[in-house]
Amino acid sequence: HLGQHPQIPALLSYCTQDDRQYLVQEFINGL
């Protein structure tokens, strides 16, 4: 819902694999 804002990481994927849950999001490079 919030990842459309340029200062919030975007959600790229949300899935289950090998009975474990994962989410993939935008990488923010910086300190």
PDB file of all heavy atoms in Angstrom:
ATOM      1  N   HIS A   1       0.805  -1.220   0.000  1.00  0.00           N
ATOM      2  CA  HIS A   1       0.000   0.000   0.000  1.00  0.00           C
ATOM      3  C   HIS A   1       0.837   1.269   0.000  1.00  0.00           C
ATOM      4  O   HIS A   1       0.443   2.287  -0.564  1.00  0.00           O
ATOM      5  CB  HIS A   1      -0.915   0.015   1.226  1.00  0.00           C
ATOM      6  CG  HIS A   1      -2.033  -0.980   1.148  1.00  0.00           C
ATOM      7  ND1 HIS A   1      -2.856  -1.266   2.210  1.00  0.00           N
ATOM      8  CD2 HIS A   1      -2.463  -1.769   0.126  1.00  0.00           C
ATOM      9  CE1 HIS A   1      -3.755  -2.166   1.844  1.00  0.00           C
ATOM     10  NE2 HIS A   1      -3.526  -2.493   0.596  1.00  0.00           N
ATOM     11  N   LEU A   2       2.007   1.205   0.652  1.00  0.00           N
ATOM     12  CA  LEU A   2       2.791   2.419   0.866  1.00  0.00           C
ATOM     13  C   LEU A   2       3.985   2.563  -0.070  1.00  0.00           C
ATOM     14  O   LEU A   2       4.571   3.641  -0.169  1.00  0.00           O
ATOM     15  CB  LEU A   2       3.297   2.473   2.317  1.00  0.00           C
ATOM     16  CG  LEU A   2       2.233   2.436   3.415  1.00  0.00           C
ATOM     17  CD1 LEU A   2       2.901   2.350   4.785  1.00  0.00           C
ATOM     18  CD2 LEU A   2       1.340   3.660   3.349  1.00  0.00           C
ATOM     19  N   GLY A   3       4.375   1.477  -0.733  1.00  0.00           N
ATOM     20  CA  GLY A   3       5.600   1.480  -1.537  1.00  0.00           C
ATOM     21  C   GLY A   3       5.586   2.397  -2.732  1.00  0.00           C
ATOM     22  O   GLY A   3       6.612   2.593  -3.383  1.00  0.00           O
ATOM     23  N   GLN A   4       4.430   2.999  -3.020  1.00  0.00           N
ATOM     24  CA  GLN A   4       4.369   3.941  -4.136  1.00  0.00           C
ATOM     25  C   GLN A   4       5.053   5.261  -3.790  1.00  0.00           C
ATOM     26  O   GLN A   4       5.346   6.066  -4.670  1.00  0.00           O
ATOM     27  CB  GLN A   4       2.910   4.193  -4.509  1.00  0.00           C
ATOM     28  CG  GLN A   4       2.070   4.714  -3.355  1.00  0.00           C
ATOM     29  CD  GLN A   4       0.604   4.820  -3.700  1.00  0.00           C
ATOM     30  OE1 GLN A   4       0.221   5.649  -4.522  1.00  0.00           O
ATOM     31  NE2 GLN A   4      -0.223   3.995  -3.087  1.00  0.00           N
ATOM     32  N   HIS A   5       5.283   5.497  -2.481  1.00  0.00           N
ATOM     33  CA  HIS A   5       5.970   6.730  -2.075  1.00  0.00           C
ATOM     34  C   HIS A   5       7.459   6.577  -2.356  1.00  0.00           C
ATOM     35  O   HIS A   5       8.055   5.539  -2.061  1.00  0.00           O
ATOM     36  CB  HIS A   5       5.745   6.997  -0.581  1.00  0.00           C
ATOM     37  CG  HIS A   5       6.158   8.367  -0.158  1.00  0.00           C
ATOM     38  ND1 HIS A   5       7.482   8.722   0.033  1.00  0.00           N
ATOM     39  CD2 HIS A   5       5.425   9.489   0.104  1.00  0.00           C
ATOM     40  CE1 HIS A   5       7.541   9.989   0.399  1.00  0.00           C
ATOM     41  NE2 HIS A   5       6.318  10.484   0.451  1.00  0.00           N
ATOM     42  N   PRO A   6       8.102   7.610  -2.933  1.00  0.00           N
ATOM     43  CA  PRO A   6       9.527   7.500  -3.292  1.00  0.00           C
ATOM     44  C   PRO A   6      10.474   7.337  -2.110  1.00  0.00           C
ATOM     45  O   PRO A   6      11.637   6.991  -2.297  1.00  0.00           O
ATOM     46  CB  PRO A   6       9.803   8.811  -4.036  1.00  0.00           C
ATOM     47  CG  PRO A   6       8.742   9.755  -3.565  1.00  0.00           C
ATOM     48  CD  PRO A   6       7.528   8.911  -3.335  1.00  0.00           C
ATOM     49  N   GLN A   7       9.977   7.571  -0.874  1.00  0.00           N
ATOM     50  CA  GLN A   7      10.849   7.423   0.298  1.00  0.00           C
ATOM     51  C   GLN A   7      10.434   6.240   1.172  1.00  0.00           C
ATOM     52  O   GLN A   7      10.724   6.196   2.360  1.00  0.00           O
ATOM     53  CB  GLN A   7      10.857   8.724   1.108  1.00  0.00           C
ATOM     54  CG  GLN A   7      11.615   9.855   0.410  1.00  0.00           C
ATOM     55  CD  GLN A   7      11.360  11.196   1.051  1.00  0.00           C
ATOM     56  OE1 GLN A   7      10.483  11.954   0.631  1.00  0.00           O
ATOM     57  NE2 GLN A   7      12.115  11.502   2.084  1.00  0.00           N
ATOM     58  N   ILE A   8       9.760   5.274   0.539  1.00  0.00           N
ATOM     59  CA  ILE A   8       9.406   4.017   1.185  1.00  0.00           C
ATOM     60  C   ILE A   8       9.736   2.900   0.205  1.00  0.00           C
ATOM     61  O   ILE A   8       9.377   2.989  -0.971  1.00  0.00           O
ATOM     62  CB  ILE A   8       7.905   3.961   1.553  1.00  0.00           C
ATOM     63  CG1 ILE A   8       7.572   5.058   2.584  1.00  0.00           C
ATOM     64  CG2 ILE A   8       7.529   2.592   2.108  1.00  0.00           C
ATOM     65  CD1 ILE A   8       6.091   5.167   2.908  1.00  0.00           C
ATOM     66  N   PRO A   9      10.454   1.853   0.635  1.00  0.00           N
ATOM     67  CA  PRO A   9      10.826   0.777  -0.298  1.00  0.00           C
ATOM     68  C   PRO A   9       9.600   0.128  -0.933  1.00  0.00           C
ATOM     69  O   PRO A   9       8.596  -0.136  -0.260  1.00  0.00           O
ATOM     70  CB  PRO A   9      11.583  -0.225   0.589  1.00  0.00           C
ATOM     71  CG  PRO A   9      12.005   0.564   1.781  1.00  0.00           C
ATOM     72  CD  PRO A   9      10.947   1.599   1.998  1.00  0.00           C
ATOM     73  N   ALA A  10       9.690  -0.148  -2.220  1.00  0.00           N
ATOM     74  CA  ALA A  10       8.583  -0.786  -2.936  1.00  0.00           C
ATOM     75  C   ALA A  10       8.598  -2.297  -2.686  1.00  0.00           C
ATOM     76  O   ALA A  10       9.659  -2.911  -2.569  1.00  0.00           O
ATOM     77  CB  ALA A  10       8.700  -0.504  -4.427  1.00  0.00           C
ATOM     78  N   LEU A  11       7.422  -2.876  -2.585  1.00  0.00           N
ATOM     79  CA  LEU A  11       7.301  -4.331  -2.469  1.00  0.00           C
ATOM     80  C   LEU A  11       7.360  -4.924  -3.870  1.00  0.00           C
ATOM     81  O   LEU A  11       6.585  -4.553  -4.747  1.00  0.00           O
ATOM     82  CB  LEU A  11       5.973  -4.710  -1.805  1.00  0.00           C
ATOM     83  CG  LEU A  11       5.698  -6.213  -1.686  1.00  0.00           C
ATOM     84  CD1 LEU A  11       6.654  -6.850  -0.695  1.00  0.00           C
ATOM     85  CD2 LEU A  11       4.239  -6.459  -1.265  1.00  0.00           C
ATOM     86  N   LEU A  12       8.296  -5.841  -4.084  1.00  0.00           N
ATOM     87  CA  LEU A  12       8.468  -6.464  -5.403  1.00  0.00           C
ATOM     88  C   LEU A  12       7.762  -7.812  -5.485  1.00  0.00           C
ATOM     89  O   LEU A  12       7.286  -8.185  -6.549  1.00  0.00           O
ATOM     90  CB  LEU A  12       9.962  -6.632  -5.713  1.00  0.00           C
ATOM     91  CG  LEU A  12      10.816  -5.354  -5.646  1.00  0.00           C
ATOM     92  CD1 LEU A  12      12.271  -5.674  -5.938  1.00  0.00           C
ATOM     93  CD2 LEU A  12      10.283  -4.307  -6.620  1.00  0.00           C
ATOM     94  N   SER A  13       7.733  -8.546  -4.367  1.00  0.00           N
ATOM     95  CA  SER A  13       7.103  -9.866  -4.393  1.00  0.00           C
ATOM     96  C   SER A  13       6.804 -10.332  -2.970  1.00  0.00           C
ATOM     97  O   SER A  13       7.476  -9.932  -2.019  1.00  0.00           O
ATOM     98  CB  SER A  13       8.020 -10.871  -5.090  1.00  0.00           C
ATOM     99  OG  SER A  13       7.427 -12.152  -5.140  1.00  0.00           O
ATOM    100  N   TYR A  14       5.805 -11.189  -2.871  1.00  0.00           N
ATOM    101  CA  TYR A  14       5.455 -11.826  -1.596  1.00  0.00           C
ATOM    102  C   TYR A  14       5.047 -13.256  -1.922  1.00  0.00           C
ATOM    103  O   TYR A  14       4.134 -13.486  -2.725  1.00  0.00           O
ATOM    104  CB  TYR A  14       4.314 -11.074  -0.928  1.00  0.00           C
ATOM    105  CG  TYR A  14       3.864 -11.669   0.395  1.00  0.00           C
ATOM    106  CD1 TYR A  14       4.753 -11.779   1.460  1.00  0.00           C
ATOM    107  CD2 TYR A  14       2.547 -12.103   0.573  1.00  0.00           C
ATOM    108  CE1 TYR A  14       4.350 -12.323   2.675  1.00  0.00           C
ATOM    109  CE2 TYR A  14       2.133 -12.643   1.784  1.00  0.00           C
ATOM    110  CZ  TYR A  14       3.040 -12.754   2.831  1.00  0.00           C
ATOM    111  OH  TYR A  14       2.644 -13.301   4.029  1.00  0.00           O
ATOM    112  N   CYS A  15       5.754 -14.237  -1.347  1.00  0.00           N
ATOM    113  CA  CYS A  15       5.512 -15.613  -1.764  1.00  0.00           C
ATOM    114  C   CYS A  15       5.878 -16.613  -0.678  1.00  0.00           C
ATOM    115  O   CYS A  15       6.460 -16.254   0.348  1.00  0.00           O
ATOM    116  CB  CYS A  15       6.309 -15.927  -3.034  1.00  0.00           C
ATOM    117  SG  CYS A  15       8.112 -15.875  -2.770  1.00  0.00           S
ATOM    118  N   THR A  16       5.529 -17.863  -0.926  1.00  0.00           N
ATOM    119  CA  THR A  16       5.916 -18.985  -0.066  1.00  0.00           C
ATOM    120  C   THR A  16       6.693 -19.986  -0.908  1.00  0.00           C
ATOM    121  O   THR A  16       6.286 -20.312  -2.028  1.00  0.00           O
ATOM    122  CB  THR A  16       4.678 -19.677   0.537  1.00  0.00           C
ATOM    123  OG1 THR A  16       3.949 -18.734   1.327  1.00  0.00           O
ATOM    124  CG2 THR A  16       5.087 -20.847   1.419  1.00  0.00           C
ATOM    125  N   GLN A  17       7.823 -20.443  -0.384  1.00  0.00           N
ATOM    126  CA  GLN A  17       8.639 -21.440  -1.088  1.00  0.00           C
ATOM    127  C   GLN A  17       9.275 -22.358  -0.050  1.00  0.00           C
ATOM    128  O   GLN A  17       9.807 -21.889   0.953  1.00  0.00           O
ATOM    129  CB  GLN A  17       9.709 -20.738  -1.932  1.00  0.00           C
ATOM    130  CG  GLN A  17      10.552 -21.687  -2.792  1.00  0.00           C
ATOM    131  CD  GLN A  17      11.383 -20.947  -3.822  1.00  0.00           C
ATOM    132  OE1 GLN A  17      10.838 -20.267  -4.708  1.00  0.00           O
ATOM    133  NE2 GLN A  17      12.694 -21.058  -3.729  1.00  0.00           N
ATOM    134  N   ASP A  18       9.199 -23.655  -0.303  1.00  0.00           N
ATOM    135  CA  ASP A  18       9.724 -24.666   0.640  1.00  0.00           C
ATOM    136  C   ASP A  18       9.158 -24.449   2.045  1.00  0.00           C
ATOM    137  O   ASP A  18       9.882 -24.527   3.051  1.00  0.00           O
ATOM    138  CB  ASP A  18      11.260 -24.618   0.680  1.00  0.00           C
ATOM    139  CG  ASP A  18      11.882 -24.976  -0.665  1.00  0.00           C
ATOM    140  OD1 ASP A  18      11.281 -25.793  -1.389  1.00  0.00           O
ATOM    141  OD2 ASP A  18      12.952 -24.429  -0.979  1.00  0.00           O
ATOM    142  N   ASP A  19       7.845 -24.155   2.099  1.00  0.00           N
ATOM    143  CA  ASP A  19       7.130 -23.979   3.365  1.00  0.00           C
ATOM    144  C   ASP A  19       7.644 -22.809   4.205  1.00  0.00           C
ATOM    145  O   ASP A  19       7.425 -22.764   5.412  1.00  0.00           O
ATOM    146  CB  ASP A  19       7.189 -25.264   4.206  1.00  0.00           C
ATOM    147  CG  ASP A  19       6.477 -26.427   3.545  1.00  0.00           C
ATOM    148  OD1 ASP A  19       5.431 -26.185   2.910  1.00  0.00           O
ATOM    149  OD2 ASP A  19       6.970 -27.562   3.651  1.00  0.00           O
ATOM    150  N   ARG A  20       8.330 -21.874   3.566  1.00  0.00           N
ATOM    151  CA  ARG A  20       8.775 -20.665   4.260  1.00  0.00           C
ATOM    152  C   ARG A  20       8.267 -19.445   3.508  1.00  0.00           C
ATOM    153  O   ARG A  20       8.218 -19.434   2.275  1.00  0.00           O
ATOM    154  CB  ARG A  20      10.306 -20.627   4.380  1.00  0.00           C
ATOM    155  CG  ARG A  20      10.855 -21.538   5.470  1.00  0.00           C
ATOM    156  CD  ARG A  20      12.369 -21.428   5.601  1.00  0.00           C
ATOM    157  NE  ARG A  20      13.040 -22.111   4.509  1.00  0.00           N
ATOM    158  CZ  ARG A  20      13.385 -23.405   4.536  1.00  0.00           C
ATOM    159  NH1 ARG A  20      13.100 -24.150   5.588  1.00  0.00           N
ATOM    160  NH2 ARG A  20      14.004 -23.948   3.513  1.00  0.00           N
ATOM    161  N   GLN A  21       7.917 -18.396   4.267  1.00  0.00           N
ATOM    162  CA  GLN A  21       7.381 -17.182   3.658  1.00  0.00           C
ATOM    163  C   GLN A  21       8.499 -16.182   3.358  1.00  0.00           C
ATOM    164  O   GLN A  21       9.461 -16.061   4.119  1.00  0.00           O
ATOM    165  CB  GLN A  21       6.363 -16.519   4.603  1.00  0.00           C
ATOM    166  CG  GLN A  21       5.084 -17.312   4.794  1.00  0.00           C
ATOM    167  CD  GLN A  21       4.221 -16.678   5.858  1.00  0.00           C
ATOM    168  OE1 GLN A  21       4.515 -16.769   7.048  1.00  0.00           O
ATOM    169  NE2 GLN A  21       3.123 -16.040   5.452  1.00  0.00           N
ATOM    170  N   TYR A  22       8.318 -15.467   2.252  1.00  0.00           N
ATOM    171  CA  TYR A  22       9.311 -14.475   1.826  1.00  0.00           C
ATOM    172  C   TYR A  22       8.608 -13.222   1.324  1.00  0.00           C
ATOM    173  O   TYR A  22       7.507 -13.286   0.769  1.00  0.00           O
ATOM    174  CB  TYR A  22      10.178 -15.024   0.687  1.00  0.00           C
ATOM    175  CG  TYR A  22      11.033 -16.213   1.040  1.00  0.00           C
ATOM    176  CD1 TYR A  22      10.542 -17.516   0.864  1.00  0.00           C
ATOM    177  CD2 TYR A  22      12.331 -16.060   1.527  1.00  0.00           C
ATOM    178  CE1 TYR A  22      11.326 -18.632   1.179  1.00  0.00           C
ATOM    179  CE2 TYR A  22      13.117 -17.165   1.843  1.00  0.00           C
ATOM    180  CZ  TYR A  22      12.614 -18.436   1.663  1.00  0.00           C
ATOM    181  OH  TYR A  22      13.392 -19.539   1.978  1.00  0.00           O
ATOM    182  N   LEU A  23       9.292 -12.117   1.505  1.00  0.00           N
ATOM    183  CA  LEU A  23       8.908 -10.915   0.768  1.00  0.00           C
ATOM    184  C   LEU A  23      10.180 -10.323   0.168  1.00  0.00           C
ATOM    185  O   LEU A  23      11.270 -10.427   0.744  1.00  0.00           O
ATOM    186  CB  LEU A  23       8.150  -9.914   1.634  1.00  0.00           C
ATOM    187  CG  LEU A  23       8.785  -9.210   2.831  1.00  0.00           C
ATOM    188  CD1 LEU A  23       9.635  -8.016   2.399  1.00  0.00           C
ATOM    189  CD2 LEU A  23       7.682  -8.722   3.767  1.00  0.00           C
ATOM    190  N   VAL A  24      10.034  -9.758  -1.004  1.00  0.00           N
ATOM    191  CA  VAL A  24      11.156  -9.142  -1.716  1.00  0.00           C
ATOM    192  C   VAL A  24      10.833  -7.664  -1.877  1.00  0.00           C
ATOM    193  O   VAL A  24       9.742  -7.306  -2.313  1.00  0.00           O
ATOM    194  CB  VAL A  24      11.374  -9.789  -3.092  1.00  0.00           C
ATOM    195  CG1 VAL A  24      12.619  -9.193  -3.767  1.00  0.00           C
ATOM    196  CG2 VAL A  24      11.499 -11.305  -2.973  1.00  0.00           C
ATOM    197  N   GLN A  25      11.772  -6.834  -1.494  1.00  0.00           N
ATOM    198  CA  GLN A  25      11.530  -5.405  -1.591  1.00  0.00           C
ATOM    199  C   GLN A  25      12.708  -4.679  -2.220  1.00  0.00           C
ATOM    200  O   GLN A  25      13.804  -5.228  -2.362  1.00  0.00           O
ATOM    201  CB  GLN A  25      11.232  -4.817  -0.211  1.00  0.00           C
ATOM    202  CG  GLN A  25      12.400  -4.829   0.753  1.00  0.00           C
ATOM    203  CD  GLN A  25      12.014  -4.345   2.140  1.00  0.00           C
ATOM    204  OE1 GLN A  25      11.110  -4.881   2.767  1.00  0.00           O
ATOM    205  NE2 GLN A  25      12.720  -3.329   2.621  1.00  0.00           N
ATOM    206  N   GLU A  26      12.454  -3.439  -2.602  1.00  0.00           N
ATOM    207  CA  GLU A  26      13.468  -2.576  -3.212  1.00  0.00           C
ATOM    208  C   GLU A  26      14.658  -2.412  -2.267  1.00  0.00           C
ATOM    209  O   GLU A  26      14.488  -2.257  -1.057  1.00  0.00           O
ATOM    210  CB  GLU A  26      12.827  -1.219  -3.496  1.00  0.00           C
ATOM    211  CG  GLU A  26      13.761  -0.160  -4.020  1.00  0.00           C
ATOM    212  CD  GLU A  26      13.094   1.199  -4.078  1.00  0.00           C
ATOM    213  OE1 GLU A  26      11.933   1.330  -3.630  1.00  0.00           O
ATOM    214  OE2 GLU A  26      13.746   2.141  -4.557  1.00  0.00           O
ATOM    215  N   PHE A  27      15.855  -2.451  -2.815  1.00  0.00           N
ATOM    216  CA  PHE A  27      17.068  -2.236  -2.019  1.00  0.00           C
ATOM    217  C   PHE A  27      17.394  -0.750  -1.988  1.00  0.00           C
ATOM    218  O   PHE A  27      17.445  -0.081  -3.027  1.00  0.00           O
ATOM    219  CB  PHE A  27      18.235  -3.015  -2.633  1.00  0.00           C
ATOM    220  CG  PHE A  27      19.569  -2.712  -1.995  1.00  0.00           C
ATOM    221  CD1 PHE A  27      19.845  -3.097  -0.700  1.00  0.00           C
ATOM    222  CD2 PHE A  27      20.556  -2.041  -2.713  1.00  0.00           C
ATOM    223  CE1 PHE A  27      21.073  -2.820  -0.111  1.00  0.00           C
ATOM    224  CE2 PHE A  27      21.794  -1.762  -2.142  1.00  0.00           C
ATOM    225  CZ  PHE A  27      22.046  -2.156  -0.835  1.00  0.00           C
ATOM    226  N   ILE A  28      17.592  -0.225  -0.796  1.00  0.00           N
ATOM    227  CA  ILE A  28      17.970   1.185  -0.625  1.00  0.00           C
ATOM    228  C   ILE A  28      19.455   1.232  -0.295  1.00  0.00           C
ATOM    229  O   ILE A  28      19.873   0.806   0.782  1.00  0.00           O
ATOM    230  CB  ILE A  28      17.156   1.858   0.500  1.00  0.00           C
ATOM    231  CG1 ILE A  28      15.648   1.653   0.275  1.00  0.00           C
ATOM    232  CG2 ILE A  28      17.500   3.340   0.575  1.00  0.00           C
ATOM    233  CD1 ILE A  28      15.128   2.236  -1.020  1.00  0.00           C
ATOM    234  N   ASN A  29      20.239   1.744  -1.200  1.00  0.00           N
ATOM    235  CA  ASN A  29      21.687   1.778  -1.029  1.00  0.00           C
ATOM    236  C   ASN A  29      22.096   3.055  -0.293  1.00  0.00           C
ATOM    237  O   ASN A  29      21.884   4.163  -0.776  1.00  0.00           O
ATOM    238  CB  ASN A  29      22.379   1.716  -2.394  1.00  0.00           C
ATOM    239  CG  ASN A  29      23.886   1.585  -2.259  1.00  0.00           C
ATOM    240  OD1 ASN A  29      24.376   1.131  -1.226  1.00  0.00           O
ATOM    241  ND2 ASN A  29      24.618   1.971  -3.282  1.00  0.00           N
ATOM    242  N   GLY A  30      22.653   2.891   0.893  1.00  0.00           N
ATOM    243  CA  GLY A  30      23.097   4.046   1.662  1.00  0.00           C
ATOM    244  C   GLY A  30      23.268   3.677   3.126  1.00  0.00           C
ATOM    245  O   GLY A  30      22.970   2.553   3.547  1.00  0.00           O
ATOM    246  N   LEU A  31      23.755   4.628   3.901  1.00  0.00           N
ATOM    247  CA  LEU A  31      23.934   4.414   5.334  1.00  0.00           C
ATOM    248  C   LEU A  31      22.653   4.754   6.082  1.00  0.00           C
ATOM    249  O   LEU A  31      21.953   5.711   5.721  1.00  0.00           O
ATOM    250  CB  LEU A  31      25.060   5.302   5.879  1.00  0.00           C
ATOM    251  CG  LEU A  31      26.478   5.075   5.349  1.00  0.00           C
ATOM    252  CD1 LEU A  31      27.432   6.095   5.982  1.00  0.00           C
ATOM    253  CD2 LEU A  31      26.956   3.662   5.623  1.00  0.00           C
TER     254      LEU A  31
END
